[in-house]
Amino acid sequence: MSRLLSTREVAEMLGIHEKKVYSLINEQGLPATKATGKWLFPKHLVDQWVENNTVNYPKSEGYVFKSPGLFVVAGSNDILLERSLGLFMRFFPEYTAAFANVGSKGGLRTLRQNLCHIATSHLVQEDEEDFNFTYLEQEMDNQPAVVNFAMRQQGLVVPRGNPGQINTVRDLTEQARIVNRSLATGTRLWFDKALKREGLRGESIPGYDKEVQSHLEAGLEVLSGNADVAPGIRAVADILGLDFVHFHWERFDLLIGKERFFDRNIQSFLGMLHEQDFRELASELPGYDLSQSGKMVYPSS
């Protein structure tokens, strides 16, 4: 179990007054629990929160751009995306495609550090009316181009037959065990917003602090009986023979630095999204809408 810090220890760690710690909890989502009646802070989550809120990184060309045969995508993981990278290498064998599963916020950070060609993200905005743009304004010095990869269904993955009769987040009682995603992911951001909207505290739900790195890992926890529910995407539920509670369609985007947008490898990948082979690949998975795939979202075409 991660070491738990006191309010005083967190204040010393961040170099601020203890009173400021309380405002960071309420205003900026500093991870904390009040299970014992006083605020305690899991150290690994505080470290992750600091990293996710770091904005001033030194600029670097990165090894990735010195290797013309290497094509790197980093950010939020997705079943169709991972399969499409295999298709990309079949189309263009001169490239080796690699994916770094670092979550949506990690993708923004990796793109800002010039360590990937494309970042993937589905960060829902505060008004829940759009995706990614406010985060790009906050964290990127130069706004990247935004191209849609696909629309996909986000919701809750539950066992076949939904024995717990979980249809909304309000049904996540003390009897429902969940498996969660990390703070850097768009799925975790959506899930926490959904809990807050219903006046629920995540810490009151068994398993809330148990985090896994990918949608598939979360689904496997449900399949194995280690969890009763996991926030995730429909495609994973279908692959594993589980049931799915739909909440909304979300826009899963590709973020590309404008200075590299017309590089051959990037344009080759974007062009593939319009090919029939890609659409046939997507047709094997439920929960995707390709009506906007490959289209420029920002700047508007």
C-alpha atoms as a PDB file:
ATOM      1  CA  MET A   1       0.000   0.000   0.000  1.00  0.00           C
ATOM      2  CA  SER A   2       1.211   3.515  -0.797  1.00  0.00           C
ATOM      3  CA  ARG A   3       2.476   5.609   2.074  1.00  0.00           C
ATOM      4  CA  LEU A   4      -0.138   8.077   3.379  1.00  0.00           C
ATOM      5  CA  LEU A   5       0.997  11.670   3.907  1.00  0.00           C
ATOM      6  CA  SER A   6      -0.467  14.128   6.400  1.00  0.00           C
ATOM      7  CA  THR A   7      -1.585  17.637   5.453  1.00  0.00           C
ATOM      8  CA  ARG A   8       1.608  19.023   6.982  1.00  0.00           C
ATOM      9  CA  GLU A   9       3.796  16.609   4.999  1.00  0.00           C
ATOM     10  CA  VAL A  10       2.048  17.488   1.735  1.00  0.00           C
ATOM     11  CA  ALA A  11       2.448  21.206   2.487  1.00  0.00           C
ATOM     12  CA  GLU A  12       6.178  20.700   3.105  1.00  0.00           C
ATOM     13  CA  MET A  13       6.489  18.582  -0.045  1.00  0.00           C
ATOM     14  CA  LEU A  14       4.842  21.293  -2.191  1.00  0.00           C
ATOM     15  CA  GLY A  15       6.424  24.211  -0.321  1.00  0.00           C
ATOM     16  CA  ILE A  16       3.088  25.826   0.555  1.00  0.00           C
ATOM     17  CA  HIS A  17       1.044  26.710   3.654  1.00  0.00           C
ATOM     18  CA  GLU A  18      -1.193  23.970   5.038  1.00  0.00           C
ATOM     19  CA  LYS A  19      -4.327  26.057   4.328  1.00  0.00           C
ATOM     20  CA  LYS A  20      -3.407  26.066   0.634  1.00  0.00           C
ATOM     21  CA  VAL A  21      -3.506  22.255   0.621  1.00  0.00           C
ATOM     22  CA  TYR A  22      -7.246  22.319   1.375  1.00  0.00           C
ATOM     23  CA  SER A  23      -7.941  24.645  -1.555  1.00  0.00           C
ATOM     24  CA  LEU A  24      -5.940  22.382  -3.871  1.00  0.00           C
ATOM     25  CA  ILE A  25      -8.195  19.476  -2.846  1.00  0.00           C
ATOM     26  CA  ASN A  26     -11.364  21.385  -3.712  1.00  0.00           C
ATOM     27  CA  GLU A  27     -10.191  23.452  -6.665  1.00  0.00           C
ATOM     28  CA  GLN A  28      -7.528  21.404  -8.458  1.00  0.00           C
ATOM     29  CA  GLY A  29      -8.298  17.816  -7.542  1.00  0.00           C
ATOM     30  CA  LEU A  30      -5.359  17.079  -5.248  1.00  0.00           C
ATOM     31  CA  PRO A  31      -5.886  13.340  -4.432  1.00  0.00           C
ATOM     32  CA  ALA A  32      -6.952  12.857  -0.813  1.00  0.00           C
ATOM     33  CA  THR A  33      -9.018  10.593   1.405  1.00  0.00           C
ATOM     34  CA  LYS A  34     -10.849  11.228   4.660  1.00  0.00           C
ATOM     35  CA  ALA A  35     -11.413   7.591   5.616  1.00  0.00           C
ATOM     36  CA  THR A  36     -10.037   8.160   9.144  1.00  0.00           C
ATOM     37  CA  GLY A  37     -11.830  11.460   9.737  1.00  0.00           C
ATOM     38  CA  LYS A  38      -8.847  13.596   8.730  1.00  0.00           C
ATOM     39  CA  TRP A  39      -7.300  14.271   5.362  1.00  0.00           C
ATOM     40  CA  LEU A  40      -4.662  11.759   4.226  1.00  0.00           C
ATOM     41  CA  PHE A  41      -2.830  11.750   0.895  1.00  0.00           C
ATOM     42  CA  PRO A  42      -1.546   8.601  -0.915  1.00  0.00           C
ATOM     43  CA  LYS A  43       1.997   9.622  -1.849  1.00  0.00           C
ATOM     44  CA  HIS A  44       2.045   7.917  -5.257  1.00  0.00           C
ATOM     45  CA  LEU A  45      -1.134   9.783  -6.258  1.00  0.00           C
ATOM     46  CA  VAL A  46       0.275  13.113  -5.069  1.00  0.00           C
ATOM     47  CA  ASP A  47       3.445  12.461  -7.110  1.00  0.00           C
ATOM     48  CA  GLN A  48       1.287  11.639 -10.139  1.00  0.00           C
ATOM     49  CA  TRP A  49      -0.835  14.766  -9.594  1.00  0.00           C
ATOM     50  CA  VAL A  50       2.290  16.952  -9.525  1.00  0.00           C
ATOM     51  CA  GLU A  51       3.576  15.360 -12.724  1.00  0.00           C
ATOM     52  CA  ASN A  52       0.234  15.782 -14.496  1.00  0.00           C
ATOM     53  CA  ASN A  53       0.168  19.477 -13.565  1.00  0.00           C
ATOM     54  CA  THR A  54       3.733  20.195 -14.695  1.00  0.00           C
ATOM     55  CA  VAL A  55       3.714  22.602 -17.646  1.00  0.00           C
ATOM     56  CA  ASN A  56       7.281  23.905 -18.032  1.00  0.00           C
ATOM     57  CA  TYR A  57       9.277  21.134 -19.690  1.00  0.00           C
ATOM     58  CA  PRO A  58      12.581  21.734 -21.496  1.00  0.00           C
ATOM     59  CA  LYS A  59      12.199  21.430 -25.233  1.00  0.00           C
ATOM     60  CA  SER A  60      13.879  18.506 -26.938  1.00  0.00           C
ATOM     61  CA  GLU A  61      13.896  17.101 -30.425  1.00  0.00           C
ATOM     62  CA  GLY A  62      13.876  13.620 -28.932  1.00  0.00           C
ATOM     63  CA  TYR A  63      15.341  10.412 -30.290  1.00  0.00           C
ATOM     64  CA  VAL A  64      12.073   9.572 -32.002  1.00  0.00           C
ATOM     65  CA  PHE A  65      12.557  12.218 -34.705  1.00  0.00           C
ATOM     66  CA  LYS A  66      16.136  11.140 -35.401  1.00  0.00           C
ATOM     67  CA  SER A  67      14.930   7.660 -36.360  1.00  0.00           C
ATOM     68  CA  PRO A  68      13.041   7.956 -39.677  1.00  0.00           C
ATOM     69  CA  GLY A  69      11.735   4.382 -39.506  1.00  0.00           C
ATOM     70  CA  LEU A  70      10.209   4.780 -36.040  1.00  0.00           C
ATOM     71  CA  PHE A  71       6.583   5.951 -35.681  1.00  0.00           C
ATOM     72  CA  VAL A  72       5.491   6.632 -32.105  1.00  0.00           C
ATOM     73  CA  VAL A  73       1.955   7.222 -30.806  1.00  0.00           C
ATOM     74  CA  ALA A  74       1.456   8.022 -27.111  1.00  0.00           C
ATOM     75  CA  GLY A  75      -1.539   8.693 -24.894  1.00  0.00           C
ATOM     76  CA  SER A  76      -4.880   7.045 -24.253  1.00  0.00           C
ATOM     77  CA  ASN A  77      -5.092   3.387 -25.193  1.00  0.00           C
ATOM     78  CA  ASP A  78      -7.765   2.010 -27.493  1.00  0.00           C
ATOM     79  CA  ILE A  79      -8.446  -1.423 -28.976  1.00  0.00           C
ATOM     80  CA  LEU A  80      -9.092  -0.143 -32.511  1.00  0.00           C
ATOM     81  CA  LEU A  81      -6.053   2.151 -32.373  1.00  0.00           C
ATOM     82  CA  GLU A  82      -3.746  -0.702 -31.389  1.00  0.00           C
ATOM     83  CA  ARG A  83      -5.091  -2.867 -34.214  1.00  0.00           C
ATOM     84  CA  SER A  84      -4.772   0.014 -36.668  1.00  0.00           C
ATOM     85  CA  LEU A  85      -1.050   0.342 -35.880  1.00  0.00           C
ATOM     86  CA  GLY A  86      -0.643  -3.248 -37.041  1.00  0.00           C
ATOM     87  CA  LEU A  87      -2.548  -2.394 -40.219  1.00  0.00           C
ATOM     88  CA  PHE A  88      -0.318   0.659 -40.693  1.00  0.00           C
ATOM     89  CA  MET A  89       2.818  -1.503 -40.616  1.00  0.00           C
ATOM     90  CA  ARG A  90       1.290  -3.865 -43.180  1.00  0.00           C
ATOM     91  CA  PHE A  91       0.535  -0.889 -45.436  1.00  0.00           C
ATOM     92  CA  PHE A  92       3.921   0.739 -44.808  1.00  0.00           C
ATOM     93  CA  PRO A  93       6.501  -1.909 -43.829  1.00  0.00           C
ATOM     94  CA  GLU A  94       9.281   0.683 -43.818  1.00  0.00           C
ATOM     95  CA  TYR A  95       7.936   1.908 -40.455  1.00  0.00           C
ATOM     96  CA  THR A  96       7.975   0.341 -37.011  1.00  0.00           C
ATOM     97  CA  ALA A  97       4.968   1.657 -35.087  1.00  0.00           C
ATOM     98  CA  ALA A  98       5.073   1.781 -31.299  1.00  0.00           C
ATOM     99  CA  PHE A  99       2.416   2.816 -28.808  1.00  0.00           C
ATOM    100  CA  ALA A 100       3.072   4.245 -25.324  1.00  0.00           C
ATOM    101  CA  ASN A 101       0.107   3.789 -22.989  1.00  0.00           C
ATOM    102  CA  VAL A 102       0.475   6.861 -20.772  1.00  0.00           C
ATOM    103  CA  GLY A 103      -3.138   8.094 -20.623  1.00  0.00           C
ATOM    104  CA  SER A 104      -4.628  11.166 -22.280  1.00  0.00           C
ATOM    105  CA  LYS A 105      -2.818  13.637 -20.022  1.00  0.00           C
ATOM    106  CA  GLY A 106       0.411  11.712 -20.465  1.00  0.00           C
ATOM    107  CA  GLY A 107      -0.081  11.952 -24.223  1.00  0.00           C
ATOM    108  CA  LEU A 108      -0.258  15.748 -24.031  1.00  0.00           C
ATOM    109  CA  ARG A 109       2.909  15.774 -21.938  1.00  0.00           C
ATOM    110  CA  THR A 110       4.726  13.442 -24.336  1.00  0.00           C
ATOM    111  CA  LEU A 111       3.713  15.520 -27.363  1.00  0.00           C
ATOM    112  CA  ARG A 112       4.831  18.710 -25.600  1.00  0.00           C
ATOM    113  CA  GLN A 113       8.225  17.103 -24.966  1.00  0.00           C
ATOM    114  CA  ASN A 114       8.559  16.115 -28.643  1.00  0.00           C
ATOM    115  CA  LEU A 115       8.765  12.420 -27.751  1.00  0.00           C
ATOM    116  CA  CYS A 116       6.020  11.170 -30.077  1.00  0.00           C
ATOM    117  CA  HIS A 117       4.607  11.839 -33.530  1.00  0.00           C
ATOM    118  CA  ILE A 118       0.945  11.664 -32.473  1.00  0.00           C
ATOM    119  CA  ALA A 119      -0.764  11.882 -29.086  1.00  0.00           C
ATOM    120  CA  THR A 120      -4.199  10.361 -28.427  1.00  0.00           C
ATOM    121  CA  SER A 121      -6.711  11.943 -26.074  1.00  0.00           C
ATOM    122  CA  HIS A 122     -10.387  11.987 -25.057  1.00  0.00           C
ATOM    123  CA  LEU A 123     -10.360  14.467 -22.156  1.00  0.00           C
ATOM    124  CA  VAL A 124     -13.894  15.627 -21.475  1.00  0.00           C
ATOM    125  CA  GLN A 125     -14.114  19.363 -20.807  1.00  0.00           C
ATOM    126  CA  GLU A 126     -15.564  20.904 -17.659  1.00  0.00           C
ATOM    127  CA  ASP A 127     -18.853  21.774 -19.395  1.00  0.00           C
ATOM    128  CA  GLU A 128     -18.937  18.210 -20.813  1.00  0.00           C
ATOM    129  CA  GLU A 129     -19.893  19.708 -24.185  1.00  0.00           C
ATOM    130  CA  ASP A 130     -16.595  19.014 -25.960  1.00  0.00           C
ATOM    131  CA  PHE A 131     -13.260  17.232 -25.645  1.00  0.00           C
ATOM    132  CA  ASN A 132      -9.564  18.119 -25.349  1.00  0.00           C
ATOM    133  CA  PHE A 133      -9.517  21.806 -26.326  1.00  0.00           C
ATOM    134  CA  THR A 134      -9.390  23.437 -22.879  1.00  0.00           C
ATOM    135  CA  TYR A 135      -6.631  21.021 -21.830  1.00  0.00           C
ATOM    136  CA  LEU A 136      -4.631  21.868 -24.932  1.00  0.00           C
ATOM    137  CA  GLU A 137      -4.979  25.581 -24.163  1.00  0.00           C
ATOM    138  CA  GLN A 138      -3.764  25.021 -20.610  1.00  0.00           C
ATOM    139  CA  GLU A 139      -0.876  22.650 -21.299  1.00  0.00           C
ATOM    140  CA  MET A 140       0.465  23.315 -24.811  1.00  0.00           C
ATOM    141  CA  ASP A 141       2.490  26.371 -25.770  1.00  0.00           C
ATOM    142  CA  ASN A 142       1.656  25.829 -29.429  1.00  0.00           C
ATOM    143  CA  GLN A 143      -1.763  24.436 -30.272  1.00  0.00           C
ATOM    144  CA  PRO A 144      -1.485  21.147 -32.191  1.00  0.00           C
ATOM    145  CA  ALA A 145      -3.697  20.079 -35.032  1.00  0.00           C
ATOM    146  CA  VAL A 146      -6.559  17.848 -33.862  1.00  0.00           C
ATOM    147  CA  VAL A 147      -7.811  15.059 -36.134  1.00  0.00           C
ATOM    148  CA  ASN A 148     -10.560  12.672 -35.095  1.00  0.00           C
ATOM    149  CA  PHE A 149      -9.634   8.993 -34.942  1.00  0.00           C
ATOM    150  CA  ALA A 150     -13.120   7.732 -34.049  1.00  0.00           C
ATOM    151  CA  MET A 151     -16.128   8.298 -31.875  1.00  0.00           C
ATOM    152  CA  ARG A 152     -16.514   5.556 -29.275  1.00  0.00           C
ATOM    153  CA  GLN A 153     -18.913   4.446 -26.545  1.00  0.00           C
ATOM    154  CA  GLN A 154     -17.830   5.070 -22.967  1.00  0.00           C
ATOM    155  CA  GLY A 155     -19.598   3.612 -19.946  1.00  0.00           C
ATOM    156  CA  LEU A 156     -19.362   0.786 -17.430  1.00  0.00           C
ATOM    157  CA  VAL A 157     -18.192  -2.771 -18.093  1.00  0.00           C
ATOM    158  CA  VAL A 158     -20.143  -5.294 -15.983  1.00  0.00           C
ATOM    159  CA  PRO A 159     -20.444  -9.127 -15.838  1.00  0.00           C
ATOM    160  CA  ARG A 160     -22.646 -10.930 -18.333  1.00  0.00           C
ATOM    161  CA  GLY A 161     -26.286 -10.473 -17.332  1.00  0.00           C
ATOM    162  CA  ASN A 162     -25.407  -7.470 -15.140  1.00  0.00           C
ATOM    163  CA  PRO A 163     -26.219  -9.371 -11.907  1.00  0.00           C
ATOM    164  CA  GLY A 164     -25.653  -6.266  -9.792  1.00  0.00           C
ATOM    165  CA  GLN A 165     -28.272  -4.353 -11.818  1.00  0.00           C
ATOM    166  CA  ILE A 166     -25.854  -1.456 -12.248  1.00  0.00           C
ATOM    167  CA  ASN A 167     -27.362   1.076 -14.651  1.00  0.00           C
ATOM    168  CA  THR A 168     -26.045   4.407 -13.316  1.00  0.00           C
ATOM    169  CA  VAL A 169     -23.160   5.495 -11.083  1.00  0.00           C
ATOM    170  CA  ARG A 170     -25.753   5.872  -8.326  1.00  0.00           C
ATOM    171  CA  ASP A 171     -25.946   2.083  -8.275  1.00  0.00           C
ATOM    172  CA  LEU A 172     -22.313   1.832  -7.204  1.00  0.00           C
ATOM    173  CA  THR A 173     -23.077   1.117  -3.570  1.00  0.00           C
ATOM    174  CA  GLU A 174     -20.762  -0.209  -0.911  1.00  0.00           C
ATOM    175  CA  GLN A 175     -21.509  -3.709  -2.222  1.00  0.00           C
ATOM    176  CA  ALA A 176     -20.162  -2.995  -5.737  1.00  0.00           C
ATOM    177  CA  ARG A 177     -16.438  -3.565  -6.159  1.00  0.00           C
ATOM    178  CA  ILE A 178     -14.864  -1.512  -8.920  1.00  0.00           C
ATOM    179  CA  VAL A 179     -11.502  -1.428 -10.649  1.00  0.00           C
ATOM    180  CA  ASN A 180     -10.373   2.054 -11.624  1.00  0.00           C
ATOM    181  CA  ARG A 181      -8.124   3.743 -14.179  1.00  0.00           C
ATOM    182  CA  SER A 182      -5.185   6.022 -13.351  1.00  0.00           C
ATOM    183  CA  LEU A 183      -5.470   9.779 -12.838  1.00  0.00           C
ATOM    184  CA  ALA A 184      -3.741  10.464 -16.175  1.00  0.00           C
ATOM    185  CA  THR A 185      -6.540   8.863 -18.199  1.00  0.00           C
ATOM    186  CA  GLY A 186      -9.564  10.452 -19.807  1.00  0.00           C
ATOM    187  CA  THR A 187     -11.705   7.570 -18.549  1.00  0.00           C
ATOM    188  CA  ARG A 188     -10.786   8.352 -14.925  1.00  0.00           C
ATOM    189  CA  LEU A 189     -11.556  12.044 -15.496  1.00  0.00           C
ATOM    190  CA  TRP A 190     -14.992  11.175 -16.917  1.00  0.00           C
ATOM    191  CA  PHE A 191     -15.702   8.684 -14.115  1.00  0.00           C
ATOM    192  CA  ASP A 192     -14.760  11.141 -11.353  1.00  0.00           C
ATOM    193  CA  LYS A 193     -16.957  13.806 -12.962  1.00  0.00           C
ATOM    194  CA  ALA A 194     -19.870  11.366 -13.089  1.00  0.00           C
ATOM    195  CA  LEU A 195     -19.437  10.537  -9.376  1.00  0.00           C
ATOM    196  CA  LYS A 196     -19.190  14.204  -8.418  1.00  0.00           C
ATOM    197  CA  ARG A 197     -22.324  15.041 -10.407  1.00  0.00           C
ATOM    198  CA  GLU A 198     -24.240  12.484  -8.325  1.00  0.00           C
ATOM    199  CA  GLY A 199     -22.707  13.659  -5.036  1.00  0.00           C
ATOM    200  CA  LEU A 200     -20.771  10.410  -4.562  1.00  0.00           C
ATOM    201  CA  ARG A 201     -17.326  10.048  -3.012  1.00  0.00           C
ATOM    202  CA  GLY A 202     -15.072   7.623  -4.798  1.00  0.00           C
ATOM    203  CA  GLU A 203     -13.422   6.590  -1.541  1.00  0.00           C
ATOM    204  CA  SER A 204     -16.739   5.125  -0.388  1.00  0.00           C
ATOM    205  CA  ILE A 205     -16.727   2.595  -3.245  1.00  0.00           C
ATOM    206  CA  PRO A 206     -14.694  -0.586  -2.679  1.00  0.00           C
ATOM    207  CA  GLY A 207     -11.844  -0.829  -5.180  1.00  0.00           C
ATOM    208  CA  TYR A 208     -11.817   2.860  -6.112  1.00  0.00           C
ATOM    209  CA  ASP A 209      -8.076   3.062  -5.340  1.00  0.00           C
ATOM    210  CA  LYS A 210      -7.254  -0.084  -7.357  1.00  0.00           C
ATOM    211  CA  GLU A 211      -5.910   1.177 -10.675  1.00  0.00           C
ATOM    212  CA  VAL A 212      -4.973  -0.594 -13.900  1.00  0.00           C
ATOM    213  CA  GLN A 213      -3.268   0.756 -16.991  1.00  0.00           C
ATOM    214  CA  SER A 214      -5.577  -0.221 -19.836  1.00  0.00           C
ATOM    215  CA  HIS A 215      -9.196  -0.826 -20.803  1.00  0.00           C
ATOM    216  CA  LEU A 216      -8.446  -4.492 -21.428  1.00  0.00           C
ATOM    217  CA  GLU A 217      -6.877  -4.942 -17.982  1.00  0.00           C
ATOM    218  CA  ALA A 218      -9.958  -3.381 -16.397  1.00  0.00           C
ATOM    219  CA  GLY A 219     -12.224  -5.712 -18.351  1.00  0.00           C
ATOM    220  CA  LEU A 220     -10.180  -8.749 -17.342  1.00  0.00           C
ATOM    221  CA  GLU A 221     -10.625  -7.819 -13.665  1.00  0.00           C
ATOM    222  CA  VAL A 222     -14.397  -7.968 -14.195  1.00  0.00           C
ATOM    223  CA  LEU A 223     -14.173 -11.188 -16.211  1.00  0.00           C
ATOM    224  CA  SER A 224     -12.099 -12.878 -13.486  1.00  0.00           C
ATOM    225  CA  GLY A 225     -14.556 -11.856 -10.752  1.00  0.00           C
ATOM    226  CA  ASN A 226     -12.058  -9.569  -9.012  1.00  0.00           C
ATOM    227  CA  ALA A 227     -14.364  -6.605  -9.682  1.00  0.00           C
ATOM    228  CA  ASP A 228     -18.074  -6.089 -10.315  1.00  0.00           C
ATOM    229  CA  VAL A 229     -17.709  -3.051 -12.565  1.00  0.00           C
ATOM    230  CA  ALA A 230     -15.090  -1.037 -14.423  1.00  0.00           C
ATOM    231  CA  PRO A 231     -15.324   2.289 -16.266  1.00  0.00           C
ATOM    232  CA  GLY A 232     -14.390   1.560 -19.869  1.00  0.00           C
ATOM    233  CA  ILE A 233     -15.356   1.243 -23.515  1.00  0.00           C
ATOM    234  CA  ARG A 234     -17.873  -1.031 -25.202  1.00  0.00           C
ATOM    235  CA  ALA A 235     -15.336  -2.765 -27.444  1.00  0.00           C
ATOM    236  CA  VAL A 236     -13.594  -4.334 -24.450  1.00  0.00           C
ATOM    237  CA  ALA A 237     -16.874  -5.632 -23.001  1.00  0.00           C
ATOM    238  CA  ASP A 238     -17.725  -7.294 -26.316  1.00  0.00           C
ATOM    239  CA  ILE A 239     -14.288  -8.889 -26.774  1.00  0.00           C
ATOM    240  CA  LEU A 240     -14.466 -10.438 -23.298  1.00  0.00           C
ATOM    241  CA  GLY A 241     -18.117 -11.514 -23.496  1.00  0.00           C
ATOM    242  CA  LEU A 242     -19.199  -9.024 -20.807  1.00  0.00           C
ATOM    243  CA  ASP A 243     -22.120  -6.608 -20.672  1.00  0.00           C
ATOM    244  CA  PHE A 244     -21.899  -2.863 -21.123  1.00  0.00           C
ATOM    245  CA  VAL A 245     -23.838   0.080 -19.643  1.00  0.00           C
ATOM    246  CA  HIS A 246     -23.675   2.933 -22.165  1.00  0.00           C
ATOM    247  CA  PHE A 247     -23.194   6.498 -20.858  1.00  0.00           C
ATOM    248  CA  HIS A 248     -22.104   8.606 -23.809  1.00  0.00           C
ATOM    249  CA  TRP A 249     -20.276   8.794 -27.118  1.00  0.00           C
ATOM    250  CA  GLU A 250     -16.878  10.446 -26.830  1.00  0.00           C
ATOM    251  CA  ARG A 251     -14.483  11.879 -29.373  1.00  0.00           C
ATOM    252  CA  PHE A 252     -11.161  10.046 -29.432  1.00  0.00           C
ATOM    253  CA  ASP A 253      -8.713  12.421 -31.120  1.00  0.00           C
ATOM    254  CA  LEU A 254      -5.232  12.440 -32.625  1.00  0.00           C
ATOM    255  CA  LEU A 255      -3.090  15.440 -31.599  1.00  0.00           C
ATOM    256  CA  ILE A 256      -0.299  16.403 -33.982  1.00  0.00           C
ATOM    257  CA  GLY A 257       2.276  19.203 -33.782  1.00  0.00           C
ATOM    258  CA  LYS A 258       1.657  21.590 -36.674  1.00  0.00           C
ATOM    259  CA  GLU A 259       5.361  21.740 -37.542  1.00  0.00           C
ATOM    260  CA  ARG A 260       5.291  17.980 -38.274  1.00  0.00           C
ATOM    261  CA  PHE A 261       1.758  17.607 -39.580  1.00  0.00           C
ATOM    262  CA  PHE A 262       2.842  17.079 -43.200  1.00  0.00           C
ATOM    263  CA  ASP A 263       5.615  14.598 -42.403  1.00  0.00           C
ATOM    264  CA  ARG A 264       5.298  11.524 -44.601  1.00  0.00           C
ATOM    265  CA  ASN A 265       4.751   9.027 -41.790  1.00  0.00           C
ATOM    266  CA  ILE A 266       1.989  11.102 -40.200  1.00  0.00           C
ATOM    267  CA  GLN A 267       0.221  11.737 -43.494  1.00  0.00           C
ATOM    268  CA  SER A 268       0.492   8.036 -44.328  1.00  0.00           C
ATOM    269  CA  PHE A 269      -1.226   7.120 -41.061  1.00  0.00           C
ATOM    270  CA  LEU A 270      -3.964   9.740 -41.516  1.00  0.00           C
ATOM    271  CA  GLY A 271      -4.542   8.620 -45.100  1.00  0.00           C
ATOM    272  CA  MET A 272      -5.004   5.034 -43.915  1.00  0.00           C
ATOM    273  CA  LEU A 273      -8.051   6.143 -41.871  1.00  0.00           C
ATOM    274  CA  HIS A 274      -9.922   6.682 -45.153  1.00  0.00           C
ATOM    275  CA  GLU A 275      -9.111   3.236 -46.539  1.00  0.00           C
ATOM    276  CA  GLN A 276     -11.659   0.424 -46.698  1.00  0.00           C
ATOM    277  CA  ASP A 277      -9.261  -1.889 -44.857  1.00  0.00           C
ATOM    278  CA  PHE A 278      -9.414   0.363 -41.812  1.00  0.00           C
ATOM    279  CA  ARG A 279     -13.203   0.478 -41.910  1.00  0.00           C
ATOM    280  CA  GLU A 280     -13.393  -3.291 -42.188  1.00  0.00           C
ATOM    281  CA  LEU A 281     -11.073  -3.513 -39.185  1.00  0.00           C
ATOM    282  CA  ALA A 282     -13.415  -1.259 -37.209  1.00  0.00           C
ATOM    283  CA  SER A 283     -16.486  -3.221 -38.305  1.00  0.00           C
ATOM    284  CA  GLU A 284     -15.192  -6.197 -36.297  1.00  0.00           C
ATOM    285  CA  LEU A 285     -15.589  -4.188 -33.092  1.00  0.00           C
ATOM    286  CA  PRO A 286     -18.793  -2.652 -31.673  1.00  0.00           C
ATOM    287  CA  GLY A 287     -18.900   0.764 -30.073  1.00  0.00           C
ATOM    288  CA  TYR A 288     -17.199   2.842 -32.776  1.00  0.00           C
ATOM    289  CA  ASP A 289     -18.538   5.493 -35.149  1.00  0.00           C
ATOM    290  CA  LEU A 290     -16.188   6.384 -38.024  1.00  0.00           C
ATOM    291  CA  SER A 291     -18.265   9.225 -39.490  1.00  0.00           C
ATOM    292  CA  GLN A 292     -15.618  11.782 -38.435  1.00  0.00           C
ATOM    293  CA  SER A 293     -12.526   9.586 -38.727  1.00  0.00           C
ATOM    294  CA  GLY A 294      -9.619  11.328 -40.429  1.00  0.00           C
ATOM    295  CA  LYS A 295     -11.376  14.704 -40.368  1.00  0.00           C
ATOM    296  CA  MET A 296      -9.724  17.835 -39.020  1.00  0.00           C
ATOM    297  CA  VAL A 297     -11.367  18.997 -35.794  1.00  0.00           C
ATOM    298  CA  TYR A 298      -8.943  21.888 -35.120  1.00  0.00           C
ATOM    299  CA  PRO A 299      -8.146  24.071 -36.884  1.00  0.00           C
ATOM    300  CA  SER A 300     -11.462  23.745 -38.683  1.00  0.00           C
ATOM    301  CA  SER A 301     -11.082  22.694 -42.310  1.00  0.00           C
END
